[in-house]
N, C-alpha and C. Protein backbone atom coordinates (compact mmCIF):
# COMPACT_ATOMS: atom_id res chain seq x y z
N MET A 1 -12.12 55.03 205.86
CA MET A 1 -11.76 54.73 207.19
C MET A 1 -10.35 54.33 207.61
N GLY A 2 -10.54 54.93 209.00
CA GLY A 2 -8.67 54.40 209.31
C GLY A 2 -9.00 53.09 209.99
N ALA A 3 -7.48 53.04 209.64
CA ALA A 3 -7.13 51.45 210.57
C ALA A 3 -7.38 51.35 212.08
N LEU A 4 -7.80 51.75 212.56
CA LEU A 4 -8.19 52.17 214.29
C LEU A 4 -9.43 52.41 213.86
N SER A 5 -10.35 52.57 213.10
CA SER A 5 -11.50 52.55 212.93
C SER A 5 -12.63 51.34 214.06
N TRP A 6 -13.29 51.91 214.34
CA TRP A 6 -14.46 50.69 214.76
C TRP A 6 -15.60 50.84 215.15
N ASP A 7 -16.94 50.15 215.45
CA ASP A 7 -18.25 50.32 215.37
C ASP A 7 -18.65 50.34 216.61
N HIS A 8 -19.23 51.29 217.29
CA HIS A 8 -19.63 52.16 218.06
C HIS A 8 -20.86 51.45 218.35
N ASN A 9 -21.58 50.95 217.43
CA ASN A 9 -23.20 50.22 217.47
C ASN A 9 -22.79 49.14 218.31
N ALA A 10 -21.80 48.05 217.43
CA ALA A 10 -21.75 46.38 217.81
C ALA A 10 -21.36 46.86 219.17
N TYR A 11 -20.18 47.97 219.52
CA TYR A 11 -20.32 48.51 221.36
C TYR A 11 -21.39 48.45 222.39
N TYR A 12 -22.24 48.83 221.92
CA TYR A 12 -22.97 49.10 222.33
C TYR A 12 -24.34 47.79 222.60
N GLU A 13 -24.08 46.88 221.66
CA GLU A 13 -25.13 45.71 221.49
C GLU A 13 -24.98 44.94 223.42
N ARG A 14 -23.77 44.71 223.40
CA ARG A 14 -23.77 43.80 224.69
C ARG A 14 -24.64 44.78 225.99
N MET A 15 -24.63 46.15 225.75
CA MET A 15 -25.12 47.16 226.88
C MET A 15 -26.76 46.75 226.72
N LEU A 16 -27.13 46.73 225.59
CA LEU A 16 -28.72 46.25 225.36
C LEU A 16 -28.99 45.29 225.16
N MET A 17 -28.19 43.95 225.26
CA MET A 17 -28.77 42.78 225.47
C MET A 17 -28.88 42.54 227.17
N ARG A 18 -28.18 43.19 227.78
CA ARG A 18 -27.58 42.74 228.99
C ARG A 18 -29.25 43.78 230.15
N GLN A 19 -30.16 44.39 229.43
CA GLN A 19 -31.04 44.80 229.85
C GLN A 19 -32.29 44.39 229.59
N LEU A 20 -32.24 42.83 229.07
CA LEU A 20 -33.24 42.21 228.56
C LEU A 20 -33.53 40.71 229.62
N PRO A 21 -34.57 40.51 229.58
CA PRO A 21 -34.58 38.88 230.80
C PRO A 21 -33.78 38.14 229.72
N TRP A 22 -33.55 37.47 230.68
CA TRP A 22 -32.50 35.98 230.70
C TRP A 22 -33.34 35.08 229.42
N ARG A 23 -34.63 35.39 229.17
CA ARG A 23 -35.03 34.08 228.17
C ARG A 23 -36.54 35.15 227.66
N CYS A 24 -36.71 35.38 226.30
CA CYS A 24 -38.14 36.28 226.35
C CYS A 24 -38.66 34.99 224.94
N ARG A 25 -39.71 35.42 225.51
CA ARG A 25 -40.82 34.57 224.17
C ARG A 25 -40.84 35.29 222.73
N ARG A 26 -40.95 36.85 222.52
CA ARG A 26 -41.06 37.31 221.63
C ARG A 26 -39.96 38.78 221.62
N VAL A 27 -39.39 39.48 220.61
CA VAL A 27 -38.53 40.37 220.80
C VAL A 27 -38.72 41.19 219.84
N LEU A 28 -38.66 42.47 219.77
CA LEU A 28 -39.23 43.34 218.30
C LEU A 28 -37.52 44.33 218.37
N ASP A 29 -37.30 43.91 217.34
CA ASP A 29 -35.94 45.14 216.81
C ASP A 29 -36.21 46.05 216.21
N VAL A 30 -36.21 47.66 216.45
CA VAL A 30 -36.53 48.34 215.35
C VAL A 30 -35.66 49.14 215.07
N GLY A 31 -35.13 48.95 213.69
CA GLY A 31 -34.16 49.72 213.27
C GLY A 31 -33.38 48.66 212.50
N CYS A 32 -33.56 47.55 212.13
CA CYS A 32 -32.41 46.01 212.57
C CYS A 32 -31.22 46.44 211.98
N GLY A 33 -31.34 47.22 210.89
CA GLY A 33 -29.65 47.05 209.73
C GLY A 33 -29.25 45.90 209.24
N ALA A 34 -27.57 46.22 209.70
CA ALA A 34 -27.66 44.48 209.01
C ALA A 34 -27.93 43.35 209.52
N GLY A 35 -28.79 43.22 210.88
CA GLY A 35 -29.14 42.14 211.52
C GLY A 35 -28.33 41.57 212.78
N SER A 36 -26.86 42.17 212.90
CA SER A 36 -26.45 41.62 213.91
C SER A 36 -26.91 41.56 215.37
N LEU A 37 -27.76 42.58 215.86
CA LEU A 37 -28.39 42.87 217.05
C LEU A 37 -29.54 41.55 217.25
N ALA A 38 -30.40 41.36 215.78
CA ALA A 38 -30.96 40.22 216.27
C ALA A 38 -30.39 39.02 215.92
N ALA A 39 -29.84 38.72 215.12
CA ALA A 39 -29.01 37.49 215.37
C ALA A 39 -29.01 37.33 216.54
N ALA A 40 -28.03 38.38 217.47
CA ALA A 40 -27.75 38.30 218.97
C ALA A 40 -29.30 38.16 219.66
N LEU A 41 -29.59 38.82 219.55
CA LEU A 41 -31.19 38.25 220.36
C LEU A 41 -31.83 36.77 220.29
N ALA A 42 -31.91 36.33 218.97
CA ALA A 42 -32.23 35.15 218.30
C ALA A 42 -32.21 33.85 219.78
N SER A 43 -30.61 34.43 220.53
CA SER A 43 -30.16 32.91 221.49
C SER A 43 -30.89 33.48 222.66
N ARG A 44 -31.86 34.62 222.71
CA ARG A 44 -32.28 34.87 224.34
C ARG A 44 -34.07 34.59 223.58
N ALA A 45 -34.36 34.66 222.57
CA ALA A 45 -35.72 35.03 222.53
C ALA A 45 -36.12 34.16 221.56
N ASP A 46 -37.68 32.79 221.62
CA ASP A 46 -38.33 31.96 221.06
C ASP A 46 -38.50 32.77 219.74
N HIS A 47 -38.86 33.84 219.58
CA HIS A 47 -38.73 34.73 218.05
C HIS A 47 -38.67 35.74 218.19
N VAL A 48 -37.68 36.75 216.91
CA VAL A 48 -37.59 38.46 216.62
C VAL A 48 -37.71 38.53 215.33
N ASP A 49 -39.04 39.85 216.00
CA ASP A 49 -38.78 40.25 214.87
C ASP A 49 -38.23 41.09 214.41
N ALA A 50 -37.34 41.20 213.12
CA ALA A 50 -36.43 42.67 213.32
C ALA A 50 -37.15 43.38 212.12
N LEU A 51 -37.29 44.96 212.34
CA LEU A 51 -38.14 45.67 211.19
C LEU A 51 -36.53 46.67 210.72
N ASP A 52 -37.06 47.19 209.34
CA ASP A 52 -35.89 47.99 208.92
C ASP A 52 -36.51 48.86 207.95
N ARG A 53 -36.97 49.88 207.96
CA ARG A 53 -37.19 50.63 206.50
C ARG A 53 -36.31 51.02 205.49
N SER A 54 -35.30 50.29 205.49
CA SER A 54 -34.30 50.40 204.27
C SER A 54 -34.29 49.04 203.69
N PRO A 55 -34.83 48.75 202.30
CA PRO A 55 -34.67 47.40 201.53
C PRO A 55 -32.63 46.45 201.69
N ALA A 56 -31.85 47.90 201.66
CA ALA A 56 -30.46 47.39 201.67
C ALA A 56 -30.35 46.69 202.79
N MET A 57 -30.88 47.81 204.12
CA MET A 57 -30.61 46.45 205.01
C MET A 57 -30.98 45.53 205.56
N ILE A 58 -32.73 45.42 205.31
CA ILE A 58 -33.22 43.93 205.33
C ILE A 58 -32.65 42.89 204.43
N GLU A 59 -32.17 43.45 203.66
CA GLU A 59 -31.36 41.69 202.06
C GLU A 59 -30.38 41.68 203.42
N GLN A 60 -28.97 42.78 203.76
CA GLN A 60 -28.38 42.44 204.51
C GLN A 60 -28.50 41.27 205.70
N ALA A 61 -29.81 41.96 206.72
CA ALA A 61 -29.95 41.48 207.60
C ALA A 61 -30.61 39.90 207.71
N ARG A 62 -31.04 39.76 205.78
CA ARG A 62 -31.54 38.35 206.22
C ARG A 62 -30.82 37.38 205.12
N LEU A 63 -29.31 38.00 204.97
CA LEU A 63 -28.25 36.63 204.87
C LEU A 63 -27.43 36.24 206.92
N VAL A 64 -27.87 37.06 207.65
CA VAL A 64 -27.38 36.73 209.06
C VAL A 64 -28.33 36.04 210.07
N ALA A 65 -29.18 36.23 209.69
CA ALA A 65 -30.89 36.29 210.54
C ALA A 65 -31.02 34.33 210.76
N PRO A 66 -31.23 33.99 212.04
CA PRO A 66 -31.48 32.59 212.17
C PRO A 66 -32.79 32.05 211.69
N ALA A 67 -33.40 30.99 212.04
CA ALA A 67 -34.62 30.70 211.33
C ALA A 67 -36.18 31.35 212.50
N ASN A 68 -35.53 31.68 213.58
CA ASN A 68 -35.95 32.18 214.37
C ASN A 68 -36.09 34.01 214.26
N VAL A 69 -35.99 34.16 213.74
CA VAL A 69 -35.50 35.78 213.19
C VAL A 69 -36.31 35.96 211.81
N SER A 70 -37.63 37.06 211.95
CA SER A 70 -38.42 37.53 210.75
C SER A 70 -37.84 38.98 210.04
N CYS A 71 -37.33 39.41 208.98
CA CYS A 71 -36.46 40.15 208.92
C CYS A 71 -37.83 40.64 208.10
N ARG A 72 -38.46 42.06 208.46
CA ARG A 72 -39.69 43.01 207.34
C ARG A 72 -39.38 44.20 207.43
N LEU A 73 -39.16 44.52 205.84
CA LEU A 73 -39.37 46.16 205.43
C LEU A 73 -40.42 46.48 205.69
N ALA A 74 -40.02 47.33 206.84
CA ALA A 74 -41.60 48.01 207.85
C ALA A 74 -41.07 49.51 208.47
N ASP A 75 -41.92 50.24 208.08
CA ASP A 75 -41.75 51.67 209.43
C ASP A 75 -42.38 51.52 210.59
N VAL A 76 -41.91 51.66 211.51
CA VAL A 76 -42.52 51.02 212.59
C VAL A 76 -42.99 51.87 212.57
N LEU A 77 -43.26 53.43 212.83
CA LEU A 77 -44.33 54.43 212.12
C LEU A 77 -45.84 54.26 211.61
N LEU A 78 -45.13 53.01 210.74
CA LEU A 78 -46.67 52.90 210.26
C LEU A 78 -47.55 51.46 210.07
N GLU A 79 -46.41 50.38 210.84
CA GLU A 79 -46.70 49.17 210.75
C GLU A 79 -47.33 49.19 212.05
N THR A 80 -48.63 48.31 211.82
CA THR A 80 -49.60 47.49 212.82
C THR A 80 -49.01 46.57 213.77
N LEU A 81 -48.34 47.15 215.18
CA LEU A 81 -47.41 45.85 216.02
C LEU A 81 -49.11 45.93 216.72
N PRO A 82 -48.77 44.36 217.11
CA PRO A 82 -50.53 44.22 218.18
C PRO A 82 -49.41 44.78 219.43
N ALA A 83 -51.15 44.76 220.13
CA ALA A 83 -50.55 45.34 221.46
C ALA A 83 -50.25 44.16 222.76
N ALA A 84 -49.52 44.61 224.00
CA ALA A 84 -49.03 43.62 224.75
C ALA A 84 -48.19 42.53 223.50
N HIS A 85 -47.68 42.28 223.16
CA HIS A 85 -47.38 41.50 222.26
C HIS A 85 -45.77 40.88 222.25
N TYR A 86 -44.95 41.90 223.04
CA TYR A 86 -43.37 42.00 223.02
C TYR A 86 -42.85 41.97 224.37
N ASP A 87 -41.94 41.06 225.07
CA ASP A 87 -41.64 40.96 225.87
C ASP A 87 -40.33 42.34 226.00
N ALA A 88 -39.97 42.16 224.96
CA ALA A 88 -38.53 43.35 225.46
C ALA A 88 -38.94 43.72 223.80
N ILE A 89 -38.58 45.18 223.78
CA ILE A 89 -38.43 45.62 222.18
C ILE A 89 -37.04 46.32 222.75
N VAL A 90 -35.89 46.28 221.36
CA VAL A 90 -35.10 46.83 221.60
C VAL A 90 -34.67 47.58 220.27
N SER A 91 -34.10 49.24 220.10
CA SER A 91 -33.66 49.60 219.09
C SER A 91 -31.43 49.98 219.10
N ASN A 92 -31.08 50.30 218.20
CA ASN A 92 -29.44 50.33 218.18
C ASN A 92 -29.31 51.37 217.32
N THR A 93 -29.60 52.55 217.54
CA THR A 93 -28.83 53.59 216.93
C THR A 93 -29.85 53.48 215.40
N ALA A 94 -30.83 53.65 216.16
CA ALA A 94 -32.07 53.86 214.99
C ALA A 94 -33.28 54.88 215.21
N LEU A 95 -33.39 55.01 216.33
CA LEU A 95 -34.70 55.94 217.18
C LEU A 95 -35.13 57.18 216.72
N HIS A 96 -33.01 58.12 216.50
CA HIS A 96 -33.30 59.44 216.54
C HIS A 96 -33.85 59.55 214.86
N HIS A 97 -33.94 58.74 214.43
CA HIS A 97 -34.36 58.51 212.85
C HIS A 97 -36.24 59.13 213.19
N MET A 98 -36.47 59.13 214.19
CA MET A 98 -38.05 59.07 213.86
C MET A 98 -38.72 60.27 215.23
N PRO A 99 -39.75 60.74 215.29
CA PRO A 99 -40.20 61.77 216.20
C PRO A 99 -40.64 60.60 217.72
N LEU A 100 -39.59 61.20 218.53
CA LEU A 100 -40.27 60.19 219.82
C LEU A 100 -41.49 60.53 220.41
N ASP A 101 -42.10 61.43 219.89
CA ASP A 101 -43.55 61.73 220.47
C ASP A 101 -44.55 60.78 219.55
N GLU A 102 -44.14 60.12 218.44
CA GLU A 102 -45.18 59.13 218.41
C GLU A 102 -44.54 57.59 218.45
N VAL A 103 -42.82 57.42 218.52
CA VAL A 103 -42.90 56.37 218.25
C VAL A 103 -42.71 55.57 220.04
N LEU A 104 -42.52 56.34 220.67
CA LEU A 104 -42.93 56.01 221.89
C LEU A 104 -44.00 55.36 222.31
N PRO A 105 -44.54 55.85 222.36
CA PRO A 105 -46.05 55.77 222.83
C PRO A 105 -46.96 53.95 221.80
N ARG A 106 -46.65 54.04 220.67
CA ARG A 106 -46.40 52.82 219.68
C ARG A 106 -45.76 51.21 220.88
N LEU A 107 -43.97 52.06 220.26
CA LEU A 107 -43.53 50.80 221.36
C LEU A 107 -44.26 50.32 222.54
N ALA A 108 -44.54 51.29 223.29
CA ALA A 108 -45.29 51.24 224.76
C ALA A 108 -46.20 50.25 224.73
N ARG A 109 -46.98 50.56 223.72
CA ARG A 109 -48.49 49.76 223.57
C ARG A 109 -48.10 48.46 223.15
N ALA A 110 -47.17 48.03 222.78
CA ALA A 110 -46.74 47.11 221.86
C ALA A 110 -45.97 45.94 223.02
N LEU A 111 -45.47 46.61 224.34
CA LEU A 111 -44.85 45.65 225.02
C LEU A 111 -45.97 45.56 226.00
N ARG A 112 -45.44 44.08 226.94
CA ARG A 112 -46.73 43.57 227.05
C ARG A 112 -46.08 43.86 228.66
N PRO A 113 -47.05 43.60 229.64
CA PRO A 113 -46.60 44.58 230.87
C PRO A 113 -45.41 44.12 231.68
N GLY A 114 -44.96 44.75 232.15
CA GLY A 114 -43.68 44.30 232.91
C GLY A 114 -42.46 44.04 231.58
N GLY A 115 -43.14 44.39 230.43
CA GLY A 115 -41.89 44.54 229.30
C GLY A 115 -40.78 45.25 229.30
N VAL A 116 -39.14 45.28 229.15
CA VAL A 116 -38.86 46.30 228.56
C VAL A 116 -38.42 47.01 227.39
N LEU A 117 -38.32 48.20 227.65
CA LEU A 117 -37.83 48.84 225.93
C LEU A 117 -36.11 49.50 226.42
N ALA A 118 -35.55 49.14 225.60
CA ALA A 118 -34.20 49.15 225.41
C ALA A 118 -33.49 49.98 224.36
N VAL A 119 -33.30 51.26 224.05
CA VAL A 119 -33.15 51.85 223.05
C VAL A 119 -31.24 52.53 223.34
N VAL A 120 -30.16 52.18 222.29
CA VAL A 120 -29.26 53.23 222.29
C VAL A 120 -29.49 54.48 220.69
N ALA A 121 -29.28 55.62 221.05
CA ALA A 121 -29.67 56.50 220.09
C ALA A 121 -28.55 57.74 220.03
N LEU A 122 -28.79 58.23 218.85
CA LEU A 122 -27.60 59.57 218.92
C LEU A 122 -28.11 60.69 219.31
N PRO A 123 -27.51 61.49 220.47
CA PRO A 123 -28.19 62.67 220.61
C PRO A 123 -27.49 63.88 219.73
N ARG A 124 -28.46 65.24 219.82
CA ARG A 124 -27.57 65.62 218.97
C ARG A 124 -26.16 66.89 220.17
N THR A 125 -25.43 66.90 220.04
CA THR A 125 -24.23 67.83 220.72
C THR A 125 -24.92 68.65 221.32
N ASP A 126 -24.35 68.73 222.97
CA ASP A 126 -25.61 70.11 224.13
C ASP A 126 -23.31 70.40 224.64
N LEU A 127 -23.34 71.13 223.78
CA LEU A 127 -22.17 71.92 224.62
C LEU A 127 -22.24 73.31 225.44
N PRO A 128 -21.69 73.77 226.29
CA PRO A 128 -20.79 73.33 227.16
C PRO A 128 -21.01 72.01 227.99
N ARG A 129 -22.14 71.78 228.33
CA ARG A 129 -22.31 70.70 228.95
C ARG A 129 -22.20 69.40 229.22
N GLU A 130 -22.19 68.84 228.13
CA GLU A 130 -21.70 68.09 227.79
C GLU A 130 -20.25 67.73 227.45
N LEU A 131 -19.57 68.76 227.49
CA LEU A 131 -18.04 68.54 226.62
C LEU A 131 -17.41 67.80 228.10
N PRO A 132 -17.53 67.08 228.82
CA PRO A 132 -16.35 66.27 229.68
C PRO A 132 -16.68 64.92 228.73
N ALA A 133 -18.12 64.83 228.69
CA ALA A 133 -18.22 63.12 227.97
C ALA A 133 -17.36 63.35 226.11
N GLU A 134 -17.67 64.44 226.16
CA GLU A 134 -16.94 64.70 224.29
C GLU A 134 -15.56 64.52 224.62
N ALA A 135 -14.84 65.50 225.56
CA ALA A 135 -13.25 64.60 225.72
C ALA A 135 -12.90 63.40 225.82
N CYS A 136 -13.84 62.83 226.52
CA CYS A 136 -13.65 61.30 226.90
C CYS A 136 -13.94 60.20 225.52
N ALA A 137 -14.80 60.94 224.98
CA ALA A 137 -14.87 59.93 223.75
C ALA A 137 -13.99 60.14 222.70
N ALA A 138 -13.21 61.29 222.10
CA ALA A 138 -12.17 61.82 221.74
C ALA A 138 -10.79 61.00 221.98
N ILE A 139 -10.78 61.02 223.05
CA ILE A 139 -9.78 60.11 223.94
C ILE A 139 -9.84 58.92 223.55
N GLY A 140 -10.84 57.91 224.08
CA GLY A 140 -11.41 56.71 224.11
C GLY A 140 -11.43 56.13 222.55
N GLU A 141 -12.13 57.23 221.71
CA GLU A 141 -11.83 56.49 220.64
C GLU A 141 -10.74 55.72 219.56
N LEU A 142 -9.46 56.76 220.22
CA LEU A 142 -8.24 56.32 219.78
C LEU A 142 -7.90 55.10 220.90
N LEU A 143 -7.69 55.29 221.98
CA LEU A 143 -7.55 54.45 222.60
C LEU A 143 -8.37 52.95 222.37
N PHE A 144 -9.50 52.87 222.43
CA PHE A 144 -10.54 51.58 221.65
C PHE A 144 -9.93 51.00 220.52
N GLY A 145 -9.72 52.09 219.74
CA GLY A 145 -9.24 51.33 218.61
C GLY A 145 -8.17 50.34 218.34
N THR A 146 -7.24 51.62 218.67
CA THR A 146 -6.17 50.84 219.14
C THR A 146 -5.96 49.10 219.61
N ALA A 147 -7.01 49.23 220.75
CA ALA A 147 -6.91 47.81 221.45
C ALA A 147 -7.78 46.77 220.70
N PHE A 148 -9.03 47.67 220.03
CA PHE A 148 -9.28 46.42 219.44
C PHE A 148 -8.73 45.98 217.74
N ALA A 149 -7.68 46.83 217.49
CA ALA A 149 -6.68 46.72 216.28
C ALA A 149 -5.98 45.86 217.41
N ILE A 150 -5.22 45.52 218.14
CA ILE A 150 -4.52 44.44 218.40
C ILE A 150 -5.35 43.01 218.90
N LEU A 151 -6.16 43.26 219.24
CA LEU A 151 -6.88 42.32 219.49
C LEU A 151 -7.54 41.37 218.42
N ARG A 152 -7.92 41.82 217.14
CA ARG A 152 -8.33 41.13 215.72
C ARG A 152 -7.20 40.60 215.34
N ALA A 153 -5.58 41.47 215.53
CA ALA A 153 -4.88 40.97 214.86
C ALA A 153 -3.99 39.22 215.34
N THR A 154 -4.16 39.70 216.97
CA THR A 154 -3.75 38.58 217.67
C THR A 154 -4.41 37.37 218.26
N ALA A 155 -5.75 37.63 218.56
CA ALA A 155 -6.49 37.08 219.34
C ALA A 155 -7.80 36.55 217.94
N GLY A 156 -8.20 37.17 216.94
CA GLY A 156 -9.02 36.59 216.31
C GLY A 156 -10.67 37.84 216.58
N GLY A 157 -11.00 36.82 215.55
CA GLY A 157 -13.08 37.55 216.40
C GLY A 157 -13.08 38.96 215.60
N ARG A 158 -14.28 39.40 215.34
CA ARG A 158 -14.43 40.56 215.49
C ARG A 158 -14.18 42.09 215.77
N TRP A 159 -14.20 41.90 217.29
CA TRP A 159 -13.50 42.73 217.43
C TRP A 159 -13.86 44.59 217.62
N CYS A 160 -15.64 44.28 217.59
CA CYS A 160 -16.32 46.09 216.90
C CYS A 160 -15.71 47.03 215.16
N ALA A 161 -15.17 45.09 214.83
CA ALA A 161 -14.45 45.53 212.82
C ALA A 161 -15.36 46.40 212.64
N ILE A 162 -15.21 47.42 212.05
CA ILE A 162 -16.39 48.16 210.52
C ILE A 162 -16.94 46.89 209.66
N GLU A 163 -18.47 46.71 210.17
CA GLU A 163 -19.19 45.76 208.56
C GLU A 163 -18.90 46.76 207.37
N PRO A 164 -18.61 45.74 206.08
CA PRO A 164 -18.92 46.06 204.97
C PRO A 164 -19.82 46.91 204.49
N SER A 165 -21.57 46.23 205.28
CA SER A 165 -22.39 46.95 205.13
C SER A 165 -22.72 48.38 205.65
N HIS A 166 -21.98 49.05 206.89
CA HIS A 166 -21.96 50.02 206.99
C HIS A 166 -21.89 51.02 205.68
N ALA A 167 -20.76 51.05 205.23
CA ALA A 167 -21.23 52.18 203.67
C ALA A 167 -22.59 52.50 203.23
N ILE A 168 -23.25 51.38 203.14
CA ILE A 168 -24.57 51.47 202.54
C ILE A 168 -26.09 51.89 203.76
N MET A 169 -25.33 51.82 204.87
CA MET A 169 -26.66 51.69 206.15
C MET A 169 -26.89 53.84 206.00
N PRO A 170 -27.88 53.63 205.87
CA PRO A 170 -28.54 55.22 206.21
C PRO A 170 -28.15 56.20 207.57
N MET A 171 -27.79 57.21 207.45
CA MET A 171 -27.06 57.76 208.66
C MET A 171 -27.87 59.30 208.36
N LEU A 172 -27.91 59.09 210.28
CA LEU A 172 -28.89 60.57 210.25
C LEU A 172 -28.19 61.11 211.68
N ASP A 173 -28.16 62.28 211.72
CA ASP A 173 -27.47 62.81 213.28
C ASP A 173 -28.75 62.70 213.89
N GLY A 174 -28.74 63.30 215.23
CA GLY A 174 -29.53 63.60 216.12
C GLY A 174 -29.91 64.76 216.19
N SER A 175 -31.04 64.75 216.29
CA SER A 175 -32.01 66.28 216.42
C SER A 175 -32.29 66.64 217.62
N LEU A 176 -31.98 66.06 218.93
CA LEU A 176 -32.38 66.73 220.13
C LEU A 176 -31.25 66.04 220.94
N THR A 177 -30.91 66.83 222.02
CA THR A 177 -29.99 66.54 223.10
C THR A 177 -30.52 65.68 223.96
N THR A 178 -29.36 65.62 224.44
CA THR A 178 -30.34 63.96 225.89
C THR A 178 -31.16 64.94 227.00
N ARG A 179 -30.97 66.01 226.94
CA ARG A 179 -31.75 66.75 228.09
C ARG A 179 -32.85 66.74 227.42
N GLN A 180 -33.02 66.83 226.08
CA GLN A 180 -34.37 66.92 225.60
C GLN A 180 -35.18 65.64 225.21
N VAL A 181 -34.26 64.28 224.76
CA VAL A 181 -34.37 63.42 225.09
C VAL A 181 -35.16 63.15 226.80
N ARG A 182 -34.53 63.37 227.81
CA ARG A 182 -35.21 62.89 228.99
C ARG A 182 -36.51 63.45 229.36
N ARG A 183 -36.42 65.10 228.33
CA ARG A 183 -37.49 65.05 228.98
C ARG A 183 -39.31 64.92 228.23
N GLN A 184 -38.50 64.40 227.13
CA GLN A 184 -39.97 63.53 226.61
C GLN A 184 -40.44 62.25 226.86
N ALA A 185 -38.40 61.77 227.25
CA ALA A 185 -38.98 60.21 227.54
C ALA A 185 -40.10 60.57 229.25
N SER A 186 -39.30 61.29 229.44
CA SER A 186 -40.60 61.17 231.01
C SER A 186 -41.75 61.56 231.57
N ALA A 187 -41.80 62.50 230.47
CA ALA A 187 -43.47 63.09 229.89
C ALA A 187 -44.11 61.48 229.54
N LEU A 188 -43.70 60.83 228.14
CA LEU A 188 -44.52 60.17 227.66
C LEU A 188 -44.16 58.60 228.13
N LEU A 189 -43.13 58.22 228.97
CA LEU A 189 -42.74 56.94 229.49
C LEU A 189 -42.21 57.20 231.55
N PRO A 190 -43.10 58.02 231.76
CA PRO A 190 -43.08 57.85 233.26
C PRO A 190 -42.25 56.61 233.64
N GLY A 191 -41.15 57.11 234.31
CA GLY A 191 -39.88 55.98 234.89
C GLY A 191 -39.04 56.16 233.97
N ALA A 192 -38.72 55.95 233.07
CA ALA A 192 -37.92 55.91 231.92
C ALA A 192 -36.31 56.46 232.33
N GLN A 193 -35.65 55.86 232.16
CA GLN A 193 -34.46 56.37 232.41
C GLN A 193 -33.33 56.66 231.31
N VAL A 194 -32.88 57.61 231.04
CA VAL A 194 -32.16 58.53 229.65
C VAL A 194 -31.05 58.95 230.83
N ARG A 195 -29.63 58.27 229.75
CA ARG A 195 -28.43 59.06 230.12
C ARG A 195 -27.68 58.86 228.73
N ARG A 196 -26.71 59.82 228.97
CA ARG A 196 -25.67 60.07 227.84
C ARG A 196 -24.80 59.23 227.85
N LEU A 197 -24.29 58.20 227.05
CA LEU A 197 -23.31 57.34 226.77
C LEU A 197 -21.96 58.13 226.18
N VAL A 198 -20.57 57.34 226.24
CA VAL A 198 -19.56 57.91 225.90
C VAL A 198 -19.75 58.55 224.43
N PHE A 199 -19.77 57.09 223.92
CA PHE A 199 -19.48 57.59 222.37
C PHE A 199 -20.53 57.84 221.66
N TRP A 200 -20.82 59.10 222.06
CA TRP A 200 -21.50 59.78 220.50
C TRP A 200 -22.78 59.26 220.92
N ARG A 201 -23.64 58.20 221.99
CA ARG A 201 -25.02 57.64 221.79
C ARG A 201 -25.67 57.89 223.28
N TYR A 202 -26.81 58.06 223.34
CA TYR A 202 -27.74 58.05 224.88
C TYR A 202 -28.59 56.42 224.80
N SER A 203 -28.61 56.47 225.73
CA SER A 203 -29.20 55.18 226.15
C SER A 203 -30.64 55.62 227.14
N LEU A 204 -31.89 54.71 226.56
CA LEU A 204 -33.59 55.18 227.23
C LEU A 204 -33.69 53.64 227.62
N GLN A 205 -34.10 53.35 229.15
CA GLN A 205 -34.53 52.12 229.54
C GLN A 205 -35.76 52.64 229.95
N TRP A 206 -37.09 51.43 230.16
CA TRP A 206 -37.95 51.52 230.55
C TRP A 206 -38.95 50.14 230.49
N ARG A 207 -39.24 49.96 232.05
CA ARG A 207 -39.82 48.96 231.70
C ARG A 207 -41.33 49.58 231.97
N LYS A 208 -42.11 48.54 231.38
CA LYS A 208 -43.81 48.57 231.84
C LYS A 208 -44.52 48.41 233.03
N PRO A 209 -44.82 49.24 233.34
CA PRO A 209 -45.72 48.35 234.57
C PRO A 209 -46.51 47.57 234.98
N ALA A 210 -46.37 46.59 235.74
CA ALA A 210 -46.86 44.97 235.62
C ALA A 210 -48.14 45.56 235.55
N ASP A 211 -48.84 46.07 236.12
CA ASP A 211 -50.70 46.40 235.89
C ASP A 211 -51.44 46.93 234.97
N SER A 212 -50.22 47.24 233.78
CA SER A 212 -50.75 48.13 232.62
C SER A 212 -51.77 47.38 232.14
């Protein structure tokens, strides 16, 4: 990777954190990868369940997980999730690995009434409709990469640096466009908000009705 490459997943972690209640009892991290988001969630939750179906990723996550994070090798489509158990469920760049019509109802059932689902995932390119976003991403990739490189060199800190574990992270392109995700999510989770993000991601946000 080039010197100006940077981690889009790390960039969107802060956005996911902003969607959550300030304090949670229990949070589920779906597709936790190397554990960066789970470690951040640990500061806002009494306990975090971090799941990933990659043994290599779970091994990495356990290296950084605080004591209140449980890292488990598990497939969320096969795992038995307790009903109405989580104040928040988050997923950063993993849900596009799964059929939405299977995973979204499972996650909805696992949320407590009033709980929050916050997702960032990869869409399939939708040209020419999303050409402005693609153009902004191409320009922003270089500008942000330059800014992050300067900050790392002068101010210290990671500033979205590519983690070494990135090389072993399972990768899969999105199979649905943002529009297709929006249609499916609206049908499965009435009131869900789906929007295209600049850097080759979409966000999905949903709050479970309090009377569910």
